[in-house]
Amino acid sequence: MQIEDQVCNLELSRKLKELGVKQESYFWWVETARMENDKAVYEWLIFDDKNPPYEKTEIGTSALTVAELVNELPHFVEHEEYYPLKLVKTEDGFYSVCYYQEGIGYLLGGRSKTFADASAKCLIELIEKGIVKP
C-alpha cells in the first residue's frame, strides 16, 4: 500500500489546515523543487516527521493519516436524534465514513476511494457545520 493511500490528499490537507485543524502529524505534504531540462519543476511530496527537507510548518501542511483523522471524529453526533459513527467499505470499493442511524438515515459524512480521504471529508463537514471545533 502506498503512503498516498494512508494519508489524506493534498487538497483535503489544505482544507483542513484552512479550517484550523492542528498541524501535528507524522507525515507532511511539502512543496519541493528540482531542476529538469534547465527548468525548475515544483511538486508536492510526502515526507515523514523525522526527515522533512525544509521547515514543514512554514511551507507544508499535515498529511493526516487514517488513524490521526479517525481519532478526531466523535463516536456519535446528536442532531435531533443519535447518529453513531459508521466506517464502511462498500461493495464498489469505496470507503464511507459517516454518521448514520438505522431506521432514520444518513446525517453527514464522506465517501472516497481511500479511507483517509473519506475520513478527511467527514471531518471537514463536521467542522463546517459547527458540530466539532478544530
Protein backbone atom coordinates (compact mmCIF):
# COMPACT_ATOMS: atom_id res chain seq x y z
CA MET A 1 0.00 0.00 0.00
CA GLN A 2 1.30 3.43 -0.96
CA ILE A 3 1.68 6.15 1.68
CA GLU A 4 -0.59 8.33 -0.51
CA ASP A 5 -3.41 5.87 0.28
CA GLN A 6 -2.78 6.14 4.03
CA VAL A 7 -2.87 9.95 4.31
CA CYS A 8 -5.42 12.45 3.06
CA ASN A 9 -4.68 14.05 -0.28
CA LEU A 10 -3.10 17.48 -0.67
CA GLU A 11 -6.37 19.29 -1.44
CA LEU A 12 -8.10 17.92 1.67
CA SER A 13 -4.98 18.55 3.77
CA ARG A 14 -5.01 22.19 2.71
CA LYS A 15 -8.72 22.49 3.51
CA LEU A 16 -8.20 21.03 7.00
CA LYS A 17 -5.34 23.47 7.60
CA GLU A 18 -7.54 26.37 6.40
CA LEU A 19 -10.27 25.27 8.83
CA GLY A 20 -7.80 25.42 11.72
CA VAL A 21 -7.02 21.74 12.28
CA LYS A 22 -3.78 21.43 14.28
CA GLN A 23 -0.79 20.82 12.10
CA GLU A 24 0.51 17.87 14.08
CA SER A 25 1.07 14.77 12.03
CA TYR A 26 3.72 12.17 11.38
CA PHE A 27 3.57 12.86 7.62
CA TRP A 28 3.67 16.19 5.79
CA TRP A 29 2.94 17.46 2.30
CA VAL A 30 5.91 19.68 1.40
CA GLU A 31 6.47 21.63 -1.81
CA THR A 32 9.81 20.72 -3.35
CA ALA A 33 11.74 21.92 -6.39
CA ARG A 34 14.12 20.15 -8.72
CA MET A 35 15.78 21.05 -11.99
CA GLU A 36 14.68 19.27 -15.14
CA ASN A 37 15.98 20.36 -18.56
CA ASP A 38 17.19 23.68 -17.09
CA LYS A 39 13.74 24.43 -15.67
CA ALA A 40 12.57 24.33 -12.08
CA VAL A 41 9.88 21.71 -11.52
CA TYR A 42 7.80 22.17 -8.40
CA GLU A 43 5.85 19.33 -6.84
CA TRP A 44 4.30 18.37 -3.53
CA LEU A 45 5.73 15.26 -1.91
CA ILE A 46 5.09 13.44 1.35
CA PHE A 47 7.82 13.39 3.98
CA ASP A 48 7.81 11.86 7.41
CA ASP A 49 8.26 13.95 10.53
CA LYS A 50 11.82 12.73 11.03
CA ASN A 51 13.12 13.72 7.57
CA PRO A 52 11.47 16.92 6.36
CA PRO A 53 13.50 18.66 3.66
CA TYR A 54 12.52 22.10 4.99
CA GLU A 55 10.77 23.68 7.97
CA LYS A 56 7.49 21.83 7.49
CA THR A 57 5.18 24.22 9.34
CA GLU A 58 6.11 27.16 7.13
CA ILE A 59 5.77 25.63 3.68
CA GLY A 60 3.94 22.38 4.28
CA THR A 61 0.70 21.00 5.53
CA SER A 62 -0.05 17.98 7.68
CA ALA A 63 -0.77 14.84 5.69
CA LEU A 64 -3.01 13.33 8.34
CA THR A 65 -3.14 9.54 8.49
CA VAL A 66 -6.29 7.46 8.78
CA ALA A 67 -5.56 6.90 12.48
CA GLU A 68 -4.99 10.61 13.14
CA LEU A 69 -8.21 11.55 11.31
CA VAL A 70 -10.45 8.91 12.89
CA ASN A 71 -9.12 9.94 16.30
CA GLU A 72 -10.57 13.43 15.67
CA LEU A 73 -14.06 12.12 14.82
CA PRO A 74 -16.63 11.91 17.64
CA HIS A 75 -18.16 8.50 18.40
CA PHE A 76 -21.62 9.91 17.72
CA VAL A 77 -23.41 13.11 16.77
CA GLU A 78 -26.69 14.28 18.25
CA HIS A 79 -28.85 16.24 15.83
CA GLU A 80 -32.47 15.74 16.91
CA GLU A 81 -31.51 12.05 17.03
CA TYR A 82 -28.46 9.99 17.97
CA TYR A 83 -26.23 9.20 14.95
CA PRO A 84 -23.30 6.81 15.58
CA LEU A 85 -20.12 6.90 13.52
CA LYS A 86 -20.06 4.25 10.79
CA LEU A 87 -16.92 3.17 8.93
CA VAL A 88 -17.72 1.05 5.88
CA LYS A 89 -16.00 -0.32 2.79
CA THR A 90 -18.70 -0.52 0.13
CA GLU A 91 -19.10 -3.25 -2.47
CA ASP A 92 -17.92 -0.89 -5.22
CA GLY A 93 -14.55 -0.40 -3.48
CA PHE A 94 -15.24 2.99 -1.89
CA TYR A 95 -14.91 3.89 1.77
CA SER A 96 -17.70 5.66 3.62
CA VAL A 97 -17.11 7.46 6.91
CA CYS A 98 -20.42 8.85 8.09
CA TYR A 99 -22.97 9.33 10.81
CA TYR A 100 -25.91 7.06 10.14
CA GLN A 101 -28.81 5.78 12.22
CA GLU A 102 -30.66 2.65 11.19
CA GLY A 103 -34.28 3.49 10.50
CA ILE A 104 -33.59 7.24 10.37
CA GLY A 105 -30.88 7.53 7.72
CA TYR A 106 -27.77 9.44 6.85
CA LEU A 107 -26.81 12.70 8.59
CA LEU A 108 -23.39 13.58 7.11
CA GLY A 109 -20.10 12.08 6.05
CA GLY A 110 -17.54 11.48 3.36
CA ARG A 111 -17.04 8.91 0.63
CA SER A 112 -13.86 8.27 -1.32
CA LYS A 113 -11.56 5.67 -2.88
CA THR A 114 -9.29 5.90 0.19
CA PHE A 115 -10.20 5.58 3.85
CA ALA A 116 -8.06 8.63 4.65
CA ASP A 117 -9.85 10.90 2.16
CA ALA A 118 -13.29 9.70 3.29
CA SER A 119 -12.33 10.42 6.91
CA ALA A 120 -10.99 13.87 5.99
CA LYS A 121 -14.19 14.74 4.09
CA CYS A 122 -16.28 13.72 7.10
CA LEU A 123 -14.15 15.81 9.48
CA ILE A 124 -14.36 18.82 7.14
CA GLU A 125 -18.15 18.59 7.06
CA LEU A 126 -18.33 18.29 10.86
CA ILE A 127 -16.20 21.43 11.25
CA GLU A 128 -18.04 23.40 8.58
CA LYS A 129 -21.41 22.60 10.18
CA GLY A 130 -20.06 23.65 13.58
CA ILE A 131 -20.56 20.20 15.11
CA VAL A 132 -16.91 19.91 16.14
CA LYS A 133 -14.20 22.51 16.61
CA PRO A 134 -10.73 22.07 15.15
